[in-house]
């Protein structure tokens, strides 16, 4: 097989025969029941000789409704601690941890501008940490009908991990996070919570092996609605996962574990 025509394909129908299916086509994992509640159209095309894969379809751009990102900033907390002496990259806006443990921050966060819609740098000091971001408009929280998609969110950003374990963006009241674990070369999905001796920890629900390298910019796209999470990396479909309870689409932030790197161009839209 030298070419496959790109056709829209829903995640729960696979009308292909006579060739091997990429793990992307078979990677839907659920914690309960069927994943059939939503299945945004995708492209199916040849990922390797005699192997098909799922890819982002540009027609899904029509799902982007109201932009909710605007000029949003890092949250301010009463227990914030100055960290300018730990920076060696010039002046930077200091971003504050969700929870401070000890006298020295486990991850140093900084931004070139007051808005994290630009570039946010993180530099690990041997631990894990997370920050929250404010200024994002809440948007519609509850769907009025089954066809009302406005409680869904589309999140896009670029992540580069230069060294260490990895980092991820968390979203929703439950703090679900797609964690890019470069050290283990896999993509992990789980929830961020407060740790005992650590500021924050990641409880992993599922993961997928992925080819990852330090210094590699990754264009990440997330579709989140009700109990379903779908993820793409560099337009390749990573996973479709169903969680136990509906996503409450409020809150967004960043998480890092013993790593250095950059988040860039974080954007979020309400679905339509």
C-alpha atoms as a PDB file:
ATOM      1  CA  UNK A   1       0.000   0.000   0.000  1.00  0.00           C
ATOM      2  CA  UNK A   2       1.535   3.285  -1.083  1.00  0.00           C
ATOM      3  CA  UNK A   3      -1.297   5.684  -0.398  1.00  0.00           C
ATOM      4  CA  UNK A   4      -4.589   5.840   1.443  1.00  0.00           C
ATOM      5  CA  UNK A   5      -7.226   8.424   0.738  1.00  0.00           C
ATOM      6  CA  UNK A   6      -7.830  10.596   3.798  1.00  0.00           C
ATOM      7  CA  UNK A   7     -11.442  10.267   4.902  1.00  0.00           C
ATOM      8  CA  UNK A   8     -13.262  11.490   7.995  1.00  0.00           C
ATOM      9  CA  UNK A   9     -13.652   8.604  10.432  1.00  0.00           C
ATOM     10  CA  UNK A  10     -15.347   8.548  13.803  1.00  0.00           C
ATOM     11  CA  UNK A  11     -13.410   7.052  16.692  1.00  0.00           C
ATOM     12  CA  UNK A  12     -15.912   4.252  17.182  1.00  0.00           C
ATOM     13  CA  UNK A  13     -16.150   2.998  13.593  1.00  0.00           C
ATOM     14  CA  UNK A  14     -13.263   1.403  11.735  1.00  0.00           C
ATOM     15  CA  UNK A  15     -14.321   0.395   8.202  1.00  0.00           C
ATOM     16  CA  UNK A  16     -10.891  -0.835   7.131  1.00  0.00           C
ATOM     17  CA  UNK A  17      -9.725  -4.324   6.164  1.00  0.00           C
ATOM     18  CA  UNK A  18      -6.684  -5.989   4.670  1.00  0.00           C
ATOM     19  CA  UNK A  19      -4.079  -3.972   6.555  1.00  0.00           C
ATOM     20  CA  UNK A  20      -2.633  -3.594  10.027  1.00  0.00           C
ATOM     21  CA  UNK A  21      -4.215  -1.035  12.348  1.00  0.00           C
ATOM     22  CA  UNK A  22      -2.027   1.463  14.133  1.00  0.00           C
ATOM     23  CA  UNK A  23      -2.316   1.530  17.947  1.00  0.00           C
ATOM     24  CA  UNK A  24      -3.897   4.957  17.460  1.00  0.00           C
ATOM     25  CA  UNK A  25      -6.914   3.245  15.915  1.00  0.00           C
ATOM     26  CA  UNK A  26      -7.202   0.796  18.774  1.00  0.00           C
ATOM     27  CA  UNK A  27      -6.149   2.982  21.663  1.00  0.00           C
ATOM     28  CA  UNK A  28      -9.560   3.915  23.021  1.00  0.00           C
ATOM     29  CA  UNK A  29      -9.523   3.005  26.699  1.00  0.00           C
ATOM     30  CA  UNK A  30     -12.444   3.432  29.030  1.00  0.00           C
ATOM     31  CA  UNK A  31     -12.854   3.190  32.746  1.00  0.00           C
ATOM     32  CA  UNK A  32     -16.413   1.974  32.181  1.00  0.00           C
ATOM     33  CA  UNK A  33     -18.852   1.360  29.362  1.00  0.00           C
ATOM     34  CA  UNK A  34     -18.612   2.404  25.730  1.00  0.00           C
ATOM     35  CA  UNK A  35     -16.763   5.390  24.343  1.00  0.00           C
ATOM     36  CA  UNK A  36     -19.564   6.027  21.867  1.00  0.00           C
ATOM     37  CA  UNK A  37     -20.984   9.172  23.440  1.00  0.00           C
ATOM     38  CA  UNK A  38     -18.824  11.429  21.306  1.00  0.00           C
ATOM     39  CA  UNK A  39     -16.603  10.654  18.361  1.00  0.00           C
ATOM     40  CA  UNK A  40     -15.343  13.724  16.546  1.00  0.00           C
ATOM     41  CA  UNK A  41     -14.457  13.088  12.871  1.00  0.00           C
ATOM     42  CA  UNK A  42     -10.825  12.229  12.158  1.00  0.00           C
ATOM     43  CA  UNK A  43      -8.705  11.384   9.149  1.00  0.00           C
ATOM     44  CA  UNK A  44      -7.571   7.832   8.555  1.00  0.00           C
ATOM     45  CA  UNK A  45      -4.438   7.588   6.489  1.00  0.00           C
ATOM     46  CA  UNK A  46      -1.306   5.563   6.090  1.00  0.00           C
ATOM     47  CA  UNK A  47       1.029   6.033   9.066  1.00  0.00           C
ATOM     48  CA  UNK A  48       3.578   3.480   7.805  1.00  0.00           C
ATOM     49  CA  UNK A  49       3.588   0.845   5.045  1.00  0.00           C
ATOM     50  CA  UNK A  50       0.436  -1.277   5.490  1.00  0.00           C
ATOM     51  CA  UNK A  51      -0.480   0.559   8.685  1.00  0.00           C
ATOM     52  CA  UNK A  52      -3.336   3.018   9.154  1.00  0.00           C
ATOM     53  CA  UNK A  53      -3.504   5.756  11.771  1.00  0.00           C
ATOM     54  CA  UNK A  54      -5.952   8.412  12.967  1.00  0.00           C
ATOM     55  CA  UNK A  55      -5.130  12.107  12.493  1.00  0.00           C
ATOM     56  CA  UNK A  56      -6.736  15.462  13.239  1.00  0.00           C
ATOM     57  CA  UNK A  57      -9.285  16.608  10.669  1.00  0.00           C
ATOM     58  CA  UNK A  58      -9.258  20.332   9.876  1.00  0.00           C
ATOM     59  CA  UNK A  59     -13.039  20.311   9.664  1.00  0.00           C
ATOM     60  CA  UNK A  60     -13.095  20.107  13.467  1.00  0.00           C
ATOM     61  CA  UNK A  61     -11.990  23.753  13.540  1.00  0.00           C
ATOM     62  CA  UNK A  62     -15.708  24.477  13.144  1.00  0.00           C
ATOM     63  CA  UNK A  63     -16.205  23.151  16.695  1.00  0.00           C
ATOM     64  CA  UNK A  64     -14.297  26.131  18.090  1.00  0.00           C
ATOM     65  CA  UNK A  65     -16.751  28.627  19.519  1.00  0.00           C
ATOM     66  CA  UNK A  66     -16.053  31.537  21.841  1.00  0.00           C
ATOM     67  CA  UNK A  67     -12.390  32.013  22.769  1.00  0.00           C
ATOM     68  CA  UNK A  68     -12.020  31.891  26.547  1.00  0.00           C
ATOM     69  CA  UNK A  69      -8.285  32.522  26.928  1.00  0.00           C
ATOM     70  CA  UNK A  70      -7.978  36.298  26.440  1.00  0.00           C
ATOM     71  CA  UNK A  71      -5.299  37.869  28.639  1.00  0.00           C
ATOM     72  CA  UNK A  72      -5.105  35.412  31.482  1.00  0.00           C
ATOM     73  CA  UNK A  73      -2.540  35.404  34.260  1.00  0.00           C
ATOM     74  CA  UNK A  74      -1.147  33.189  36.970  1.00  0.00           C
ATOM     75  CA  UNK A  75      -3.169  32.964  40.161  1.00  0.00           C
ATOM     76  CA  UNK A  76      -2.014  34.908  43.199  1.00  0.00           C
ATOM     77  CA  UNK A  77      -1.812  33.165  46.555  1.00  0.00           C
ATOM     78  CA  UNK A  78      -1.174  34.383  50.094  1.00  0.00           C
ATOM     79  CA  UNK A  79       1.766  32.018  50.554  1.00  0.00           C
ATOM     80  CA  UNK A  80       3.690  33.215  47.522  1.00  0.00           C
ATOM     81  CA  UNK A  81       7.464  33.397  47.839  1.00  0.00           C
ATOM     82  CA  UNK A  82       9.849  35.504  45.686  1.00  0.00           C
ATOM     83  CA  UNK A  83      11.963  33.369  43.359  1.00  0.00           C
ATOM     84  CA  UNK A  84      13.854  35.957  41.318  1.00  0.00           C
ATOM     85  CA  UNK A  85      17.216  34.868  42.745  1.00  0.00           C
ATOM     86  CA  UNK A  86      16.713  31.405  41.272  1.00  0.00           C
ATOM     87  CA  UNK A  87      16.410  32.693  37.706  1.00  0.00           C
ATOM     88  CA  UNK A  88      19.358  33.000  35.371  1.00  0.00           C
ATOM     89  CA  UNK A  89      17.449  33.885  32.191  1.00  0.00           C
ATOM     90  CA  UNK A  90      16.893  37.584  32.807  1.00  0.00           C
ATOM     91  CA  UNK A  91      13.816  39.438  34.110  1.00  0.00           C
ATOM     92  CA  UNK A  92      10.717  37.296  34.435  1.00  0.00           C
ATOM     93  CA  UNK A  93       7.208  37.486  35.840  1.00  0.00           C
ATOM     94  CA  UNK A  94       7.030  35.129  38.815  1.00  0.00           C
ATOM     95  CA  UNK A  95       4.272  32.521  38.817  1.00  0.00           C
ATOM     96  CA  UNK A  96       3.121  31.047  42.106  1.00  0.00           C
ATOM     97  CA  UNK A  97       2.637  27.418  43.126  1.00  0.00           C
ATOM     98  CA  UNK A  98      -0.738  25.953  44.043  1.00  0.00           C
ATOM     99  CA  UNK A  99       0.799  24.768  47.305  1.00  0.00           C
ATOM    100  CA  UNK A 100       4.173  25.686  48.788  1.00  0.00           C
ATOM    101  CA  UNK A 101       6.026  22.943  50.668  1.00  0.00           C
ATOM    102  CA  UNK A 102       9.289  23.779  52.442  1.00  0.00           C
ATOM    103  CA  UNK A 103      11.509  26.822  52.114  1.00  0.00           C
ATOM    104  CA  UNK A 104      12.703  26.286  48.535  1.00  0.00           C
ATOM    105  CA  UNK A 105      10.286  25.847  45.607  1.00  0.00           C
ATOM    106  CA  UNK A 106      10.454  22.459  43.904  1.00  0.00           C
ATOM    107  CA  UNK A 107       9.841  24.031  40.491  1.00  0.00           C
ATOM    108  CA  UNK A 108      10.570  27.613  39.463  1.00  0.00           C
ATOM    109  CA  UNK A 109       7.935  29.066  37.120  1.00  0.00           C
ATOM    110  CA  UNK A 110       8.404  32.274  35.140  1.00  0.00           C
ATOM    111  CA  UNK A 111       6.986  34.151  32.186  1.00  0.00           C
ATOM    112  CA  UNK A 112       8.357  36.913  29.978  1.00  0.00           C
ATOM    113  CA  UNK A 113       5.030  38.740  30.260  1.00  0.00           C
ATOM    114  CA  UNK A 114       2.312  38.956  32.920  1.00  0.00           C
ATOM    115  CA  UNK A 115       0.122  36.768  30.694  1.00  0.00           C
ATOM    116  CA  UNK A 116       0.796  33.041  30.415  1.00  0.00           C
ATOM    117  CA  UNK A 117      -0.753  33.173  26.961  1.00  0.00           C
ATOM    118  CA  UNK A 118       2.829  33.836  25.868  1.00  0.00           C
ATOM    119  CA  UNK A 119       5.684  31.580  27.018  1.00  0.00           C
ATOM    120  CA  UNK A 120       5.899  30.037  30.483  1.00  0.00           C
ATOM    121  CA  UNK A 121       9.227  28.575  31.561  1.00  0.00           C
ATOM    122  CA  UNK A 122       9.636  25.955  34.238  1.00  0.00           C
ATOM    123  CA  UNK A 123      12.824  24.750  35.873  1.00  0.00           C
ATOM    124  CA  UNK A 124      12.707  21.821  38.271  1.00  0.00           C
ATOM    125  CA  UNK A 125      14.747  21.732  41.442  1.00  0.00           C
ATOM    126  CA  UNK A 126      14.295  18.024  42.042  1.00  0.00           C
ATOM    127  CA  UNK A 127      10.568  17.930  42.782  1.00  0.00           C
ATOM    128  CA  UNK A 128       7.044  18.337  41.395  1.00  0.00           C
ATOM    129  CA  UNK A 129       4.764  21.364  41.366  1.00  0.00           C
ATOM    130  CA  UNK A 130       1.701  22.910  39.730  1.00  0.00           C
ATOM    131  CA  UNK A 131       0.336  26.381  39.130  1.00  0.00           C
ATOM    132  CA  UNK A 132      -3.204  27.561  38.384  1.00  0.00           C
ATOM    133  CA  UNK A 133      -4.171  30.285  35.942  1.00  0.00           C
ATOM    134  CA  UNK A 134      -6.906  32.878  36.293  1.00  0.00           C
ATOM    135  CA  UNK A 135      -8.506  35.244  33.821  1.00  0.00           C
ATOM    136  CA  UNK A 136     -10.023  32.485  31.665  1.00  0.00           C
ATOM    137  CA  UNK A 137     -13.707  33.153  31.151  1.00  0.00           C
ATOM    138  CA  UNK A 138     -15.809  30.371  32.660  1.00  0.00           C
ATOM    139  CA  UNK A 139     -18.079  29.896  29.670  1.00  0.00           C
ATOM    140  CA  UNK A 140     -21.078  27.564  29.718  1.00  0.00           C
ATOM    141  CA  UNK A 141     -20.709  24.939  32.446  1.00  0.00           C
ATOM    142  CA  UNK A 142     -23.773  22.755  31.826  1.00  0.00           C
ATOM    143  CA  UNK A 143     -25.305  21.565  28.562  1.00  0.00           C
ATOM    144  CA  UNK A 144     -28.999  22.335  28.089  1.00  0.00           C
ATOM    145  CA  UNK A 145     -29.591  19.462  25.646  1.00  0.00           C
ATOM    146  CA  UNK A 146     -27.659  16.427  24.402  1.00  0.00           C
ATOM    147  CA  UNK A 147     -26.785  18.382  21.254  1.00  0.00           C
ATOM    148  CA  UNK A 148     -25.538  21.408  23.171  1.00  0.00           C
ATOM    149  CA  UNK A 149     -21.722  21.242  23.014  1.00  0.00           C
ATOM    150  CA  UNK A 150     -21.048  24.520  24.807  1.00  0.00           C
ATOM    151  CA  UNK A 151     -19.898  22.803  28.013  1.00  0.00           C
ATOM    152  CA  UNK A 152     -17.056  21.243  26.027  1.00  0.00           C
ATOM    153  CA  UNK A 153     -13.582  22.742  25.712  1.00  0.00           C
ATOM    154  CA  UNK A 154     -10.853  22.664  23.066  1.00  0.00           C
ATOM    155  CA  UNK A 155      -7.377  23.389  24.431  1.00  0.00           C
ATOM    156  CA  UNK A 156      -4.261  23.914  22.316  1.00  0.00           C
ATOM    157  CA  UNK A 157      -0.671  24.611  23.342  1.00  0.00           C
ATOM    158  CA  UNK A 158       2.946  23.836  22.517  1.00  0.00           C
ATOM    159  CA  UNK A 159       5.156  22.085  25.067  1.00  0.00           C
ATOM    160  CA  UNK A 160       8.919  21.623  24.918  1.00  0.00           C
ATOM    161  CA  UNK A 161      10.702  19.606  27.616  1.00  0.00           C
ATOM    162  CA  UNK A 162      14.417  20.306  27.585  1.00  0.00           C
ATOM    163  CA  UNK A 163      15.509  17.963  30.375  1.00  0.00           C
ATOM    164  CA  UNK A 164      14.241  15.878  33.275  1.00  0.00           C
ATOM    165  CA  UNK A 165      11.039  13.855  33.599  1.00  0.00           C
ATOM    166  CA  UNK A 166       8.268  15.886  31.987  1.00  0.00           C
ATOM    167  CA  UNK A 167       5.362  18.307  32.236  1.00  0.00           C
ATOM    168  CA  UNK A 168       1.698  18.679  31.377  1.00  0.00           C
ATOM    169  CA  UNK A 169      -1.326  20.943  31.331  1.00  0.00           C
ATOM    170  CA  UNK A 170      -4.189  20.219  33.761  1.00  0.00           C
ATOM    171  CA  UNK A 171      -7.803  21.183  33.189  1.00  0.00           C
ATOM    172  CA  UNK A 172     -11.201  21.057  34.866  1.00  0.00           C
ATOM    173  CA  UNK A 173     -12.226  21.048  38.498  1.00  0.00           C
ATOM    174  CA  UNK A 174     -10.912  17.482  38.834  1.00  0.00           C
ATOM    175  CA  UNK A 175      -7.506  18.601  37.450  1.00  0.00           C
ATOM    176  CA  UNK A 176      -7.148  16.017  34.689  1.00  0.00           C
ATOM    177  CA  UNK A 177      -3.687  16.269  33.130  1.00  0.00           C
ATOM    178  CA  UNK A 178      -2.036  14.995  29.952  1.00  0.00           C
ATOM    179  CA  UNK A 179       1.541  14.513  31.161  1.00  0.00           C
ATOM    180  CA  UNK A 180       4.400  14.290  28.658  1.00  0.00           C
ATOM    181  CA  UNK A 181       6.873  11.932  30.313  1.00  0.00           C
ATOM    182  CA  UNK A 182       9.950  12.289  28.144  1.00  0.00           C
ATOM    183  CA  UNK A 183      12.128  10.226  30.484  1.00  0.00           C
ATOM    184  CA  UNK A 184       9.801   7.212  30.207  1.00  0.00           C
ATOM    185  CA  UNK A 185       8.876   8.030  26.581  1.00  0.00           C
ATOM    186  CA  UNK A 186       5.162   7.851  27.137  1.00  0.00           C
ATOM    187  CA  UNK A 187       2.094  10.103  27.388  1.00  0.00           C
ATOM    188  CA  UNK A 188       0.225   9.756  30.674  1.00  0.00           C
ATOM    189  CA  UNK A 189      -3.327  10.799  31.573  1.00  0.00           C
ATOM    190  CA  UNK A 190      -4.293  11.252  35.208  1.00  0.00           C
ATOM    191  CA  UNK A 191      -5.363  13.717  37.882  1.00  0.00           C
ATOM    192  CA  UNK A 192      -3.234  16.185  39.830  1.00  0.00           C
ATOM    193  CA  UNK A 193      -3.734  16.277  43.595  1.00  0.00           C
ATOM    194  CA  UNK A 194      -1.930  17.485  46.689  1.00  0.00           C
ATOM    195  CA  UNK A 195       0.845  15.170  47.848  1.00  0.00           C
ATOM    196  CA  UNK A 196       2.019  14.354  51.350  1.00  0.00           C
ATOM    197  CA  UNK A 197       5.648  15.478  51.119  1.00  0.00           C
ATOM    198  CA  UNK A 198       5.290  16.974  47.624  1.00  0.00           C
ATOM    199  CA  UNK A 199       3.394  20.042  46.489  1.00  0.00           C
ATOM    200  CA  UNK A 200       1.388  18.086  43.911  1.00  0.00           C
ATOM    201  CA  UNK A 201       1.420  14.552  42.509  1.00  0.00           C
ATOM    202  CA  UNK A 202      -0.080  12.899  39.421  1.00  0.00           C
ATOM    203  CA  UNK A 203      -2.345   9.858  39.833  1.00  0.00           C
ATOM    204  CA  UNK A 204      -2.035   8.071  36.480  1.00  0.00           C
ATOM    205  CA  UNK A 205      -5.139   6.443  34.991  1.00  0.00           C
ATOM    206  CA  UNK A 206      -3.729   5.376  31.631  1.00  0.00           C
ATOM    207  CA  UNK A 207      -0.749   5.928  29.367  1.00  0.00           C
ATOM    208  CA  UNK A 208       0.561   5.291  25.885  1.00  0.00           C
ATOM    209  CA  UNK A 209       4.108   4.727  24.680  1.00  0.00           C
ATOM    210  CA  UNK A 210       5.198   7.596  22.426  1.00  0.00           C
ATOM    211  CA  UNK A 211       8.357   8.658  20.632  1.00  0.00           C
ATOM    212  CA  UNK A 212       9.595  11.626  22.668  1.00  0.00           C
ATOM    213  CA  UNK A 213      12.921  13.480  22.764  1.00  0.00           C
ATOM    214  CA  UNK A 214      14.288  16.403  24.727  1.00  0.00           C
ATOM    215  CA  UNK A 215      14.042  19.741  22.974  1.00  0.00           C
ATOM    216  CA  UNK A 216      11.225  18.516  20.698  1.00  0.00           C
ATOM    217  CA  UNK A 217       8.305  21.033  20.494  1.00  0.00           C
ATOM    218  CA  UNK A 218       4.987  19.166  20.701  1.00  0.00           C
ATOM    219  CA  UNK A 219       1.770  20.717  19.382  1.00  0.00           C
ATOM    220  CA  UNK A 220      -0.907  19.351  21.715  1.00  0.00           C
ATOM    221  CA  UNK A 221      -4.662  19.548  21.201  1.00  0.00           C
ATOM    222  CA  UNK A 222      -7.276  18.393  23.750  1.00  0.00           C
ATOM    223  CA  UNK A 223     -11.022  17.869  23.312  1.00  0.00           C
ATOM    224  CA  UNK A 224     -12.818  17.696  26.665  1.00  0.00           C
ATOM    225  CA  UNK A 225     -16.555  17.281  27.168  1.00  0.00           C
ATOM    226  CA  UNK A 226     -18.661  15.539  29.818  1.00  0.00           C
ATOM    227  CA  UNK A 227     -16.945  12.210  30.599  1.00  0.00           C
ATOM    228  CA  UNK A 228     -14.767  12.076  27.452  1.00  0.00           C
ATOM    229  CA  UNK A 229     -11.195  13.263  26.865  1.00  0.00           C
ATOM    230  CA  UNK A 230      -9.510  13.065  23.460  1.00  0.00           C
ATOM    231  CA  UNK A 231      -5.915  14.084  22.757  1.00  0.00           C
ATOM    232  CA  UNK A 232      -3.783  14.743  19.682  1.00  0.00           C
ATOM    233  CA  UNK A 233      -0.028  15.342  19.520  1.00  0.00           C
ATOM    234  CA  UNK A 234       1.333  16.853  16.311  1.00  0.00           C
ATOM    235  CA  UNK A 235      -2.061  16.048  14.759  1.00  0.00           C
ATOM    236  CA  UNK A 236      -1.726  12.319  15.577  1.00  0.00           C
ATOM    237  CA  UNK A 237      -4.527  10.818  17.643  1.00  0.00           C
ATOM    238  CA  UNK A 238      -3.194   9.744  21.047  1.00  0.00           C
ATOM    239  CA  UNK A 239      -6.190   8.560  23.043  1.00  0.00           C
ATOM    240  CA  UNK A 240      -9.899   8.722  23.681  1.00  0.00           C
ATOM    241  CA  UNK A 241     -10.665   8.134  27.364  1.00  0.00           C
ATOM    242  CA  UNK A 242     -13.875   8.046  29.354  1.00  0.00           C
ATOM    243  CA  UNK A 243     -13.764   9.145  32.983  1.00  0.00           C
ATOM    244  CA  UNK A 244     -16.063   8.110  35.825  1.00  0.00           C
ATOM    245  CA  UNK A 245     -17.845  11.447  36.280  1.00  0.00           C
ATOM    246  CA  UNK A 246     -18.582  14.356  33.991  1.00  0.00           C
ATOM    247  CA  UNK A 247     -15.856  16.930  33.569  1.00  0.00           C
ATOM    248  CA  UNK A 248     -16.548  20.255  35.286  1.00  0.00           C
ATOM    249  CA  UNK A 249     -14.863  22.622  32.792  1.00  0.00           C
ATOM    250  CA  UNK A 250     -13.561  25.188  35.263  1.00  0.00           C
ATOM    251  CA  UNK A 251      -9.900  25.744  36.007  1.00  0.00           C
ATOM    252  CA  UNK A 252      -6.720  25.282  34.024  1.00  0.00           C
ATOM    253  CA  UNK A 253      -3.053  25.208  34.968  1.00  0.00           C
ATOM    254  CA  UNK A 254       0.382  23.665  34.488  1.00  0.00           C
ATOM    255  CA  UNK A 255       2.242  20.783  36.127  1.00  0.00           C
ATOM    256  CA  UNK A 256       5.929  19.791  36.022  1.00  0.00           C
ATOM    257  CA  UNK A 257       8.009  17.006  37.530  1.00  0.00           C
ATOM    258  CA  UNK A 258      11.771  17.474  37.929  1.00  0.00           C
ATOM    259  CA  UNK A 259      12.067  18.999  34.467  1.00  0.00           C
ATOM    260  CA  UNK A 260      12.954  22.154  32.575  1.00  0.00           C
ATOM    261  CA  UNK A 261      11.145  23.452  29.519  1.00  0.00           C
ATOM    262  CA  UNK A 262       8.530  25.823  28.117  1.00  0.00           C
ATOM    263  CA  UNK A 263       4.782  26.046  27.532  1.00  0.00           C
ATOM    264  CA  UNK A 264       3.801  28.360  24.677  1.00  0.00           C
ATOM    265  CA  UNK A 265       0.659  29.760  23.059  1.00  0.00           C
ATOM    266  CA  UNK A 266      -1.912  28.250  25.432  1.00  0.00           C
ATOM    267  CA  UNK A 267      -5.424  28.757  24.042  1.00  0.00           C
ATOM    268  CA  UNK A 268      -8.859  27.500  25.033  1.00  0.00           C
ATOM    269  CA  UNK A 269     -12.227  27.624  23.268  1.00  0.00           C
ATOM    270  CA  UNK A 270     -15.784  26.771  24.219  1.00  0.00           C
ATOM    271  CA  UNK A 271     -17.227  24.176  21.832  1.00  0.00           C
ATOM    272  CA  UNK A 272     -20.158  25.011  19.598  1.00  0.00           C
END
